[in-house]
Structure formats: structure tokens, C-alpha cells
Amino acid sequence: MRALAAFAAGLLFGLGLCLSGMADPAKVLAFLDVSDDFDPSLAFVMAGAIAVALPGFRLVRRRGRPLFDDGFHLPPRAPVDARLVGGAALFGVGWGLSGFCPGPAIVAVPLGAPGALVFVAAMLAGFAIARAAPARRRSEPATDG
């Protein structure tokens, strides 16, 4: 049942991206380029998503556990550090250069959007590098000053 719920949620998210046009990198790039043919529709999609998700998230958090799992899997609170800021900057540069972020890129691959497959391959390589980087740092011996 858990896998079916995850599939239904992913399908609903993908359909939302297709219906809103957010799987089209040209639409995203038109939003990010405020100097030329600015398209504000991405802001309306984001505002609509927040308007739906925020009350739903608050209702769900009142539950002791999710419907199809033993507990919520939320990231721990962590301070804003150089690694977070650097990762956010890299994400923004990648989004601005390609017009893709992870969800729309995965939706765009079967739609045959130009560059989507290259983006997803690069994204997966980035995930692997990010997972390997902390492990390497932890295994390095500590230095005293």
C-alpha cells in the first residue's frame, strides 16, 4: 500500500507539473529572465502550491504518524552554513542555466524535452558526489590547528 501511495503522489505531482507547464524549461527560463519576455506564471504556480500544501501540511503534522509509514521522515533542523549556501547557489545556477529542477526534469525525460536526459544524468552524478563528500571528510584525521 505504501508503494501505491508513493506512486499516486508522484503521478499527481507529475501531472501537476505537466498541466502547469512547469516541465517545460523554456517557461521556467522565461520566469527567471526578468529583462526580456518575463512570464510570471511560475510565481502563480508556486503560490497555488503553497496555498494548498501549507494547510495540508499543518493538518498532517497533527497526526501521530503518516497513513502508510511508521513515522514522518523530516530533515533535522540545522544551522545555515557554508555547505547549505553553496549547495543552494549551485542549485540556482543549474536551474537558471537549464530551466530544470529535479522534479520537472524527471517528468520531462519521458516527454523528450531537449536536455532533460543530460540534466538528470548530471543530477544523479551530483547526488553521488554529495553523498561521497561527507564520508570522505569524516574519514580524514582531525588536525589540531
Foldseek 3Di string as FASTA:
>chain_A
DVVVVVVVVLVVVLVLCVVLVLLALVLLLLCVPPPPNRDVSVVVSVVVCCVVVVVVVVVQVVDQADPPDPHDDDDDDDDDDPVNVVVVVVQVVLCNVRSDHPSSLVSCVVVPHPPSVVSNVVVVVVVVCVVVVVVVVVPDDDDDD
